[in-house]
Amino acid sequence: MRNFYIILFILFVAPGFSQQWRIDTLRKKLAVAPRDTNRVNLLLNLANVADNLDSKQASEEAILLATELKAEMLLIKSIHTLGNVNCNMGDYAEGLTNYLMELEILQSKGLENKRPGVYNGLGNVYMAQGQYKKALENFIKGAGIVKTLDAKEHGRLITYYTNIGDCYYFMKDYDKATENYNKVIEINLSRKIPDHYTLGNASCGLGNVSYLKNDLKKALEYYKRALEAYKVINIEQCVAEGYNNIAKVLNARNESQNAIAYYLKAVQLSEKTKAKAVILISYHGLAEVYSKTGDFKSAYKILMKSYALRDSLLNEKQLKMLGEMEAKYETAEKDKQLAIQKADVEQKSMQRNFFIGGFVIMVLLAFLILRSYRQKKKANIEISKQKEIIEDKQKEIVDSIRYATRIQKSLMSSEKYIEKNMERLTNKKT
């Protein structure tokens, strides 16, 4: 009995506990992580394991930080992750915007042929929007890029072939759909460890094609293969959908009791996982089988349950839409606050720059004024010296002139004296 409980813990409790432990560990690391590339990677890891809203917040923070760090490859990865998160939340318009932004950056760097995932993302968005031709173009382009990569990457082709098969199925080109589903199965069977999820999806796709072609024997065979693949990986919702598919074929083959048994298995498992959409399909199938067998009372009860469940799903959808609107409002408010903070930081930075610039200009002006003052002072000193020299020279010249004048006057006096004496002597002789 003890071993039984241990097995139950490992199967049902441990996975959830492990994921929550991983989330808590990442949050603790983020609490002390500096704003570097390692923090961006931690945020992306959190985005891949957390709930939708937490994943979105982590992705958006990763984008802002990668932009701040100018880490281009991490920025591309962050944008792609946000696209995945938005698509998981059903916001395909936002997801499309993210993937197109990623593609634009890749093309600007010449890297669009190195990262095929962007085309897979675009294809998934277009397929969800019912634009199957556009989806197909992107899936085919992505598959073509994968083929050019290293051989170890070729295993990724199973995802593209599955999606290509789904596109052809919705476009009602069942032969090409079958061709691509068979490629998925062929690749999986050639691997040592098959990817049971894509193996189950491809087998389910082949079952759908066979059912539409009214080949019920093949349809049942493919649906059973899909069910076995889903059981290996224990994805309960996929297992429940497998039960519904088998029940659908059994009902078409008029094996009513077997069909009821499989529908009830689907209901039981879906109630456990709270997969209401799957339960609704089971209820509709049961109502059809009960009506066919004449058990109208049971058919009526099931129909009433289906109506109640449908209303519940509609209410949940409305609540989800309200929640998403509220989340978008909160995100918008947060972005607004971040924008205000950014503007405030930019304004303060501008003021600081103006102050620094003004201070530098003042210092420069002071330096120029001081330099001019020193040059002027030096020039004045030089002028004073020159003035002194000129004054000294002028004084020497003036003194020389005065000396010459005195000599001249002295000579003139002597000449007059001589002339007077000569005149006197002359008079005496006569």
Protein backbone atom coordinates (compact mmCIF):
# COMPACT_ATOMS: atom_id res chain seq x y z
CA MET A 1 0.00 0.00 0.00
CA ARG A 2 2.87 2.32 0.83
CA ASN A 3 4.38 1.79 -2.62
CA PHE A 4 1.00 2.57 -4.17
CA TYR A 5 0.88 5.99 -2.51
CA ILE A 6 4.49 6.67 -3.52
CA ILE A 7 3.57 5.92 -7.14
CA LEU A 8 0.54 8.22 -6.90
CA PHE A 9 2.75 10.98 -5.51
CA ILE A 10 5.29 10.58 -8.31
CA LEU A 11 2.62 10.55 -11.03
CA PHE A 12 0.31 13.31 -9.85
CA VAL A 13 1.84 15.41 -7.08
CA ALA A 14 5.55 15.49 -7.86
CA PRO A 15 5.29 17.15 -11.31
CA GLY A 16 3.28 20.09 -9.99
CA PHE A 17 5.50 20.36 -6.93
CA SER A 18 8.61 20.28 -9.11
CA GLN A 19 7.32 23.07 -11.37
CA GLN A 20 6.33 25.27 -8.42
CA TRP A 21 9.73 24.64 -6.85
CA ARG A 22 11.36 25.72 -10.10
CA ILE A 23 9.26 28.90 -10.23
CA ASP A 24 10.12 29.75 -6.61
CA THR A 25 13.82 29.10 -7.28
CA LEU A 26 13.80 31.41 -10.30
CA ARG A 27 12.05 34.16 -8.32
CA LYS A 28 14.67 33.92 -5.55
CA LYS A 29 17.46 34.19 -8.09
CA LEU A 30 15.78 37.18 -9.75
CA ALA A 31 15.44 38.94 -6.39
CA VAL A 32 19.23 39.28 -6.15
CA ALA A 33 20.24 39.16 -9.83
CA PRO A 34 21.91 42.31 -11.23
CA ARG A 35 20.64 43.93 -14.41
CA ASP A 36 22.73 41.88 -16.82
CA THR A 37 22.22 39.21 -19.50
CA ASN A 38 21.97 36.49 -16.86
CA ARG A 39 18.90 38.25 -15.47
CA VAL A 40 17.33 38.29 -18.95
CA ASN A 41 17.81 34.51 -19.20
CA LEU A 42 16.28 34.01 -15.75
CA LEU A 43 13.24 36.06 -16.80
CA LEU A 44 12.84 33.97 -19.97
CA ASN A 45 13.07 30.75 -17.97
CA LEU A 46 10.36 32.06 -15.65
CA ALA A 47 8.19 33.04 -18.64
CA ASN A 48 8.36 29.46 -19.91
CA VAL A 49 7.10 27.87 -16.68
CA ALA A 50 4.89 30.47 -14.94
CA ASP A 51 1.19 31.19 -15.43
CA ASN A 52 0.14 33.33 -18.37
CA LEU A 53 0.07 36.75 -16.66
CA ASP A 54 3.34 36.14 -14.80
CA SER A 55 4.86 34.83 -18.04
CA LYS A 56 3.79 37.96 -19.87
CA GLN A 57 5.21 40.24 -17.20
CA ALA A 58 8.51 38.31 -17.19
CA SER A 59 8.72 38.43 -21.01
CA GLU A 60 8.06 42.18 -21.12
CA GLU A 61 10.68 42.84 -18.44
CA ALA A 62 13.14 40.68 -20.40
CA ILE A 63 12.50 42.78 -23.54
CA LEU A 64 13.09 46.06 -21.68
CA LEU A 65 16.30 44.80 -20.07
CA ALA A 66 17.65 43.25 -23.29
CA THR A 67 16.97 46.57 -25.05
CA GLU A 68 18.73 48.47 -22.27
CA LEU A 69 21.74 46.11 -22.47
CA LYS A 70 21.70 46.20 -26.30
CA ALA A 71 21.75 42.39 -26.26
CA GLU A 72 20.24 41.80 -29.71
CA MET A 73 19.95 37.99 -29.67
CA LEU A 74 18.37 38.02 -26.21
CA LEU A 75 16.00 40.75 -27.39
CA ILE A 76 14.93 38.55 -30.33
CA LYS A 77 14.45 35.58 -27.98
CA SER A 78 12.44 37.73 -25.54
CA ILE A 79 10.12 39.03 -28.26
CA HIS A 80 9.54 35.47 -29.50
CA THR A 81 8.74 34.30 -25.96
CA LEU A 82 6.23 37.13 -25.52
CA GLY A 83 4.63 36.08 -28.82
CA ASN A 84 4.26 32.53 -27.50
CA VAL A 85 2.75 33.79 -24.24
CA ASN A 86 0.23 36.03 -26.02
CA CYS A 87 -0.83 33.15 -28.28
CA ASN A 88 -1.23 30.86 -25.26
CA MET A 89 -3.48 33.52 -23.75
CA GLY A 90 -5.53 33.61 -26.97
CA ASP A 91 -4.36 37.11 -27.89
CA TYR A 92 -3.31 36.23 -31.44
CA ALA A 93 -3.27 39.85 -32.62
CA GLU A 94 -0.59 40.71 -30.06
CA GLY A 95 1.22 37.46 -30.81
CA LEU A 96 1.28 38.33 -34.50
CA THR A 97 2.70 41.78 -33.70
CA ASN A 98 5.46 40.16 -31.63
CA TYR A 99 6.43 37.63 -34.30
CA LEU A 100 6.42 40.27 -37.07
CA MET A 101 8.65 42.50 -34.93
CA GLU A 102 10.98 39.55 -34.36
CA LEU A 103 11.09 38.83 -38.11
CA GLU A 104 11.84 42.49 -38.90
CA ILE A 105 14.82 42.48 -36.53
CA LEU A 106 16.06 39.15 -37.92
CA GLN A 107 15.83 40.45 -41.49
CA SER A 108 17.69 43.64 -40.57
CA LYS A 109 20.50 41.47 -39.20
CA GLY A 110 20.38 38.93 -42.03
CA LEU A 111 19.45 36.16 -39.57
CA GLU A 112 15.97 35.17 -40.80
CA ASN A 113 17.42 31.96 -42.28
CA LYS A 114 18.97 30.97 -38.95
CA ARG A 115 15.89 31.08 -36.73
CA PRO A 116 12.98 29.19 -38.33
CA GLY A 117 10.92 29.38 -35.13
CA VAL A 118 9.58 32.79 -36.09
CA TYR A 119 7.87 31.25 -39.15
CA ASN A 120 6.37 28.52 -36.99
CA GLY A 121 4.99 31.18 -34.66
CA LEU A 122 3.53 33.17 -37.55
CA GLY A 123 2.04 29.99 -39.01
CA ASN A 124 0.36 29.09 -35.72
CA VAL A 125 -1.19 32.58 -35.47
CA TYR A 126 -2.51 32.51 -39.03
CA MET A 127 -3.87 28.99 -38.57
CA ALA A 128 -5.67 30.03 -35.37
CA GLN A 129 -7.18 32.94 -37.33
CA GLY A 130 -8.31 30.62 -40.12
CA GLN A 131 -5.84 32.06 -42.64
CA TYR A 132 -4.63 28.64 -43.71
CA LYS A 133 -2.87 29.72 -46.91
CA LYS A 134 -0.70 32.23 -45.03
CA ALA A 135 -0.10 29.69 -42.29
CA LEU A 136 0.97 27.09 -44.85
CA GLU A 137 3.43 29.51 -46.49
CA ASN A 138 5.13 30.19 -43.17
CA PHE A 139 5.26 26.54 -42.09
CA ILE A 140 6.77 25.51 -45.43
CA LYS A 141 9.34 28.33 -45.22
CA GLY A 142 10.27 27.30 -41.68
CA ALA A 143 10.63 23.64 -42.70
CA GLY A 144 12.85 24.68 -45.60
CA ILE A 145 15.17 26.56 -43.22
CA VAL A 146 15.35 23.61 -40.80
CA LYS A 147 16.51 21.38 -43.67
CA THR A 148 19.48 23.71 -44.26
CA LEU A 149 20.59 23.52 -40.62
CA ASP A 150 22.78 20.92 -38.98
CA ALA A 151 21.46 17.34 -39.21
CA LYS A 152 20.82 17.22 -35.46
CA GLU A 153 18.20 19.95 -35.95
CA HIS A 154 16.23 17.93 -38.50
CA GLY A 155 14.15 16.34 -35.75
CA ARG A 156 12.34 19.67 -35.53
CA LEU A 157 10.80 18.92 -38.92
CA ILE A 158 8.13 16.78 -37.26
CA THR A 159 6.56 19.93 -35.78
CA TYR A 160 6.48 21.66 -39.18
CA TYR A 161 5.15 18.58 -41.02
CA THR A 162 2.39 18.19 -38.42
CA ASN A 163 1.36 21.82 -38.86
CA ILE A 164 1.60 21.59 -42.65
CA GLY A 165 -0.61 18.50 -42.51
CA ASP A 166 -3.15 20.36 -40.36
CA CYS A 167 -3.22 23.26 -42.83
CA TYR A 168 -3.89 20.94 -45.77
CA TYR A 169 -6.55 19.17 -43.70
CA PHE A 170 -8.41 22.43 -43.01
CA MET A 171 -7.98 23.39 -46.66
CA LYS A 172 -9.57 19.99 -47.51
CA ASP A 173 -6.53 18.80 -49.44
CA TYR A 174 -6.61 15.43 -47.72
CA ASP A 175 -3.98 13.73 -49.90
CA LYS A 176 -1.31 16.31 -49.01
CA ALA A 177 -2.45 16.24 -45.40
CA THR A 178 -1.96 12.45 -45.38
CA GLU A 179 1.46 12.83 -47.01
CA ASN A 180 2.71 15.18 -44.29
CA TYR A 181 1.22 13.19 -41.40
CA ASN A 182 3.00 10.10 -42.74
CA LYS A 183 6.29 12.06 -42.81
CA VAL A 184 5.84 12.79 -39.10
CA ILE A 185 5.26 9.11 -38.34
CA GLU A 186 8.20 8.05 -40.52
CA ILE A 187 10.63 10.43 -38.78
CA ASN A 188 9.39 9.38 -35.34
CA LEU A 189 9.73 5.68 -36.06
CA SER A 190 13.32 6.23 -37.28
CA ARG A 191 14.31 7.77 -33.94
CA LYS A 192 15.53 5.83 -30.94
CA ILE A 193 13.08 7.73 -28.73
CA PRO A 194 9.98 8.85 -30.67
CA ASP A 195 8.19 12.09 -29.89
CA HIS A 196 4.93 10.50 -28.77
CA TYR A 197 3.06 13.81 -28.74
CA THR A 198 3.63 14.54 -32.45
CA LEU A 199 3.23 10.83 -33.19
CA GLY A 200 -0.19 10.95 -31.53
CA ASN A 201 -1.13 14.16 -33.35
CA ALA A 202 -0.14 12.74 -36.74
CA SER A 203 -2.04 9.50 -36.10
CA CYS A 204 -5.05 11.55 -35.02
CA GLY A 205 -4.78 13.60 -38.21
CA LEU A 206 -4.74 10.44 -40.32
CA GLY A 207 -7.76 9.23 -38.37
CA ASN A 208 -9.61 12.46 -39.13
CA VAL A 209 -8.85 12.14 -42.84
CA SER A 210 -9.99 8.50 -42.89
CA TYR A 211 -13.18 9.38 -40.98
CA LEU A 212 -14.07 12.10 -43.48
CA LYS A 213 -13.45 9.64 -46.30
CA ASN A 214 -15.78 7.24 -44.47
CA ASP A 215 -13.00 4.67 -44.10
CA LEU A 216 -14.07 3.81 -40.55
CA LYS A 217 -11.77 0.81 -40.21
CA LYS A 218 -8.64 2.88 -40.87
CA ALA A 219 -10.00 5.75 -38.81
CA LEU A 220 -10.43 3.47 -35.80
CA GLU A 221 -6.95 2.05 -36.29
CA TYR A 222 -5.32 5.49 -36.44
CA TYR A 223 -7.30 6.82 -33.47
CA LYS A 224 -6.22 3.83 -31.35
CA ARG A 225 -2.58 4.48 -32.31
CA ALA A 226 -2.99 8.11 -31.28
CA LEU A 227 -4.52 7.06 -27.96
CA GLU A 228 -1.61 4.74 -27.19
CA ALA A 229 0.90 7.49 -27.98
CA TYR A 230 -0.89 9.96 -25.68
CA LYS A 231 -1.03 7.38 -22.90
CA VAL A 232 2.76 6.98 -23.02
CA ILE A 233 3.29 10.67 -22.19
CA ASN A 234 0.23 10.75 -19.89
CA ILE A 235 -1.35 13.93 -21.28
CA GLU A 236 -4.81 13.30 -19.85
CA GLN A 237 -6.68 15.82 -21.98
CA CYS A 238 -5.23 14.26 -25.14
CA VAL A 239 -6.17 10.80 -23.82
CA ALA A 240 -9.73 11.99 -23.21
CA GLU A 241 -9.89 13.43 -26.73
CA GLY A 242 -8.64 10.05 -27.98
CA TYR A 243 -11.53 8.33 -26.21
CA ASN A 244 -13.96 10.74 -27.87
CA ASN A 245 -12.51 10.04 -31.32
CA ILE A 246 -12.77 6.28 -30.89
CA ALA A 247 -16.33 6.64 -29.56
CA LYS A 248 -17.23 8.75 -32.61
CA VAL A 249 -16.11 5.98 -34.98
CA LEU A 250 -17.81 3.26 -32.94
CA ASN A 251 -21.04 5.24 -33.04
CA ALA A 252 -20.73 5.56 -36.83
CA ARG A 253 -20.28 1.77 -36.97
CA ASN A 254 -23.42 1.36 -34.85
CA GLU A 255 -21.45 -0.15 -31.96
CA SER A 256 -23.52 1.91 -29.54
CA GLN A 257 -22.58 0.27 -26.24
CA ASN A 258 -18.87 0.45 -26.98
CA ALA A 259 -19.28 4.06 -28.07
CA ILE A 260 -21.06 4.91 -24.79
CA ALA A 261 -18.28 3.22 -22.81
CA TYR A 262 -15.58 5.31 -24.51
CA TYR A 263 -17.56 8.56 -24.17
CA LEU A 264 -18.00 7.88 -20.44
CA LYS A 265 -14.25 7.23 -20.10
CA ALA A 266 -13.66 10.59 -21.74
CA VAL A 267 -16.10 12.31 -19.36
CA GLN A 268 -14.54 10.69 -16.30
CA LEU A 269 -11.00 11.70 -17.27
CA SER A 270 -12.03 15.20 -18.40
CA GLU A 271 -13.86 15.87 -15.13
CA LYS A 272 -10.65 15.01 -13.34
CA THR A 273 -8.65 17.49 -15.40
CA LYS A 274 -11.53 20.01 -15.62
CA ALA A 275 -11.35 19.97 -19.43
CA LYS A 276 -14.88 21.29 -19.92
CA ALA A 277 -14.61 21.67 -23.69
CA VAL A 278 -13.76 17.98 -24.01
CA ILE A 279 -16.64 17.05 -21.69
CA LEU A 280 -19.02 19.06 -23.88
CA ILE A 281 -17.97 17.03 -26.94
CA SER A 282 -18.51 13.83 -24.93
CA TYR A 283 -22.00 14.97 -23.85
CA HIS A 284 -23.02 15.73 -27.45
CA GLY A 285 -21.74 12.32 -28.55
CA LEU A 286 -23.58 10.55 -25.73
CA ALA A 287 -26.81 12.38 -26.50
CA GLU A 288 -26.57 11.25 -30.13
CA VAL A 289 -25.89 7.62 -29.19
CA TYR A 290 -28.71 7.53 -26.60
CA SER A 291 -31.12 9.03 -29.15
CA LYS A 292 -30.07 6.47 -31.74
CA THR A 293 -30.72 3.61 -29.29
CA GLY A 294 -34.10 5.08 -28.26
CA ASP A 295 -32.96 5.99 -24.73
CA PHE A 296 -34.45 9.48 -24.94
CA LYS A 297 -34.55 9.94 -21.18
CA SER A 298 -30.78 9.56 -20.92
CA ALA A 299 -30.35 11.69 -24.04
CA TYR A 300 -32.43 14.47 -22.47
CA LYS A 301 -30.43 14.38 -19.21
CA ILE A 302 -27.17 14.58 -21.08
CA LEU A 303 -28.44 17.44 -23.23
CA MET A 304 -29.44 19.39 -20.12
CA LYS A 305 -25.94 18.82 -18.71
CA SER A 306 -24.42 19.96 -21.98
CA TYR A 307 -26.49 23.17 -21.97
CA ALA A 308 -25.47 23.94 -18.40
CA LEU A 309 -21.85 23.23 -19.22
CA ARG A 310 -22.04 25.38 -22.33
CA ASP A 311 -23.39 28.31 -20.27
CA SER A 312 -20.62 27.75 -17.75
CA LEU A 313 -18.02 27.83 -20.49
CA LEU A 314 -19.51 31.04 -21.88
CA ASN A 315 -19.42 32.63 -18.42
CA GLU A 316 -15.84 31.49 -17.95
CA LYS A 317 -14.95 32.90 -21.34
CA GLN A 318 -16.51 36.21 -20.40
CA LEU A 319 -14.71 36.21 -17.06
CA LYS A 320 -11.48 35.36 -18.84
CA MET A 321 -12.03 38.23 -21.26
CA LEU A 322 -12.71 40.57 -18.34
CA GLY A 323 -9.58 39.28 -16.63
CA GLU A 324 -7.54 39.83 -19.75
CA MET A 325 -9.00 43.32 -20.19
CA GLU A 326 -8.16 44.08 -16.58
CA ALA A 327 -4.66 42.70 -17.08
CA LYS A 328 -4.25 44.81 -20.23
CA TYR A 329 -5.49 47.87 -18.31
CA GLU A 330 -3.05 47.19 -15.49
CA THR A 331 -0.28 46.66 -18.03
CA ALA A 332 -1.23 49.90 -19.79
CA GLU A 333 -1.22 51.74 -16.45
CA LYS A 334 2.13 50.18 -15.63
CA ASP A 335 3.49 51.20 -19.02
CA LYS A 336 2.11 54.69 -18.43
CA GLN A 337 3.84 54.91 -15.07
CA LEU A 338 7.05 53.58 -16.61
CA ALA A 339 6.73 56.20 -19.37
CA ILE A 340 6.21 58.94 -16.75
CA GLN A 341 9.20 57.67 -14.77
CA LYS A 342 11.25 57.48 -17.95
CA ALA A 343 10.22 61.03 -18.89
CA ASP A 344 11.09 62.18 -15.37
CA VAL A 345 14.48 60.48 -15.57
CA GLU A 346 15.07 62.00 -19.01
CA GLN A 347 14.06 65.44 -17.73
CA LYS A 348 16.37 65.12 -14.73
CA SER A 349 19.09 63.85 -17.01
CA MET A 350 18.51 66.81 -19.33
CA GLN A 351 18.61 69.21 -16.38
CA ARG A 352 21.80 67.58 -15.17
CA ASN A 353 23.29 67.82 -18.63
CA PHE A 354 22.27 71.47 -18.88
CA PHE A 355 23.83 72.13 -15.46
CA ILE A 356 27.02 70.32 -16.41
CA GLY A 357 27.07 72.07 -19.78
CA GLY A 358 26.47 75.45 -18.16
CA PHE A 359 29.14 74.78 -15.56
CA VAL A 360 31.61 73.74 -18.26
CA ILE A 361 30.78 76.89 -20.25
CA MET A 362 31.23 79.04 -17.12
CA VAL A 363 34.58 77.42 -16.37
CA LEU A 364 35.60 77.89 -20.01
CA LEU A 365 34.53 81.54 -19.96
CA ALA A 366 36.34 82.08 -16.67
CA PHE A 367 39.44 80.48 -18.17
CA LEU A 368 39.21 82.68 -21.26
CA ILE A 369 38.63 85.83 -19.17
CA LEU A 370 41.55 84.93 -16.88
CA ARG A 371 43.72 84.15 -19.87
CA SER A 372 42.72 87.43 -21.51
CA TYR A 373 43.36 89.29 -18.28
CA ARG A 374 46.80 87.72 -17.94
CA GLN A 375 47.62 88.46 -21.58
CA LYS A 376 46.41 92.06 -21.15
CA LYS A 377 48.39 92.43 -17.95
CA LYS A 378 51.46 91.04 -19.65
CA ALA A 379 50.89 93.40 -22.58
CA ASN A 380 50.47 96.35 -20.21
CA ILE A 381 53.72 95.48 -18.49
CA GLU A 382 55.41 95.22 -21.88
CA ILE A 383 53.88 98.55 -22.92
CA SER A 384 55.04 100.14 -19.65
CA LYS A 385 58.55 98.88 -20.30
CA GLN A 386 58.46 100.18 -23.86
CA LYS A 387 57.07 103.49 -22.58
CA GLU A 388 59.90 103.77 -20.08
CA ILE A 389 62.41 102.99 -22.82
CA ILE A 390 60.82 105.58 -25.12
CA GLU A 391 60.68 108.13 -22.32
CA ASP A 392 64.34 107.47 -21.54
CA LYS A 393 65.25 107.80 -25.21
CA GLN A 394 63.09 110.92 -25.47
CA LYS A 395 64.80 112.38 -22.44
CA GLU A 396 68.21 111.58 -23.92
CA ILE A 397 67.14 113.26 -27.16
CA VAL A 398 65.75 116.31 -25.33
CA ASP A 399 68.91 116.57 -23.24
CA SER A 400 71.00 116.27 -26.37
CA ILE A 401 68.96 119.00 -28.01
CA ARG A 402 69.28 121.22 -24.97
CA TYR A 403 73.02 120.57 -24.86
CA ALA A 404 73.33 121.39 -28.54
CA THR A 405 71.23 124.51 -28.06
CA ARG A 406 73.53 125.66 -25.26
CA ILE A 407 76.54 125.03 -27.37
CA GLN A 408 74.96 126.84 -30.28
CA LYS A 409 74.07 129.79 -28.06
CA SER A 410 77.58 129.80 -26.70
CA LEU A 411 79.01 129.81 -30.18
CA MET A 412 76.67 132.57 -31.28
CA SER A 413 77.78 134.72 -28.34
CA SER A 414 81.43 134.14 -29.23
CA GLU A 415 80.82 135.06 -32.85
CA LYS A 416 79.16 138.32 -31.87
CA TYR A 417 82.06 139.06 -29.51
CA ILE A 418 84.60 138.41 -32.23
CA GLU A 419 82.69 140.50 -34.76
CA LYS A 420 82.46 143.36 -32.27
CA ASN A 421 86.14 143.22 -31.52
CA MET A 422 87.02 142.96 -35.21
CA GLU A 423 84.85 145.99 -35.90
CA ARG A 424 86.56 147.91 -33.11
CA LEU A 425 90.01 147.03 -34.32
CA THR A 426 89.10 148.08 -37.80
CA ASN A 427 87.92 151.48 -36.59
CA LYS A 428 91.19 152.01 -34.74
CA LYS A 429 93.24 151.41 -37.83
CA THR A 430 91.37 154.01 -39.79
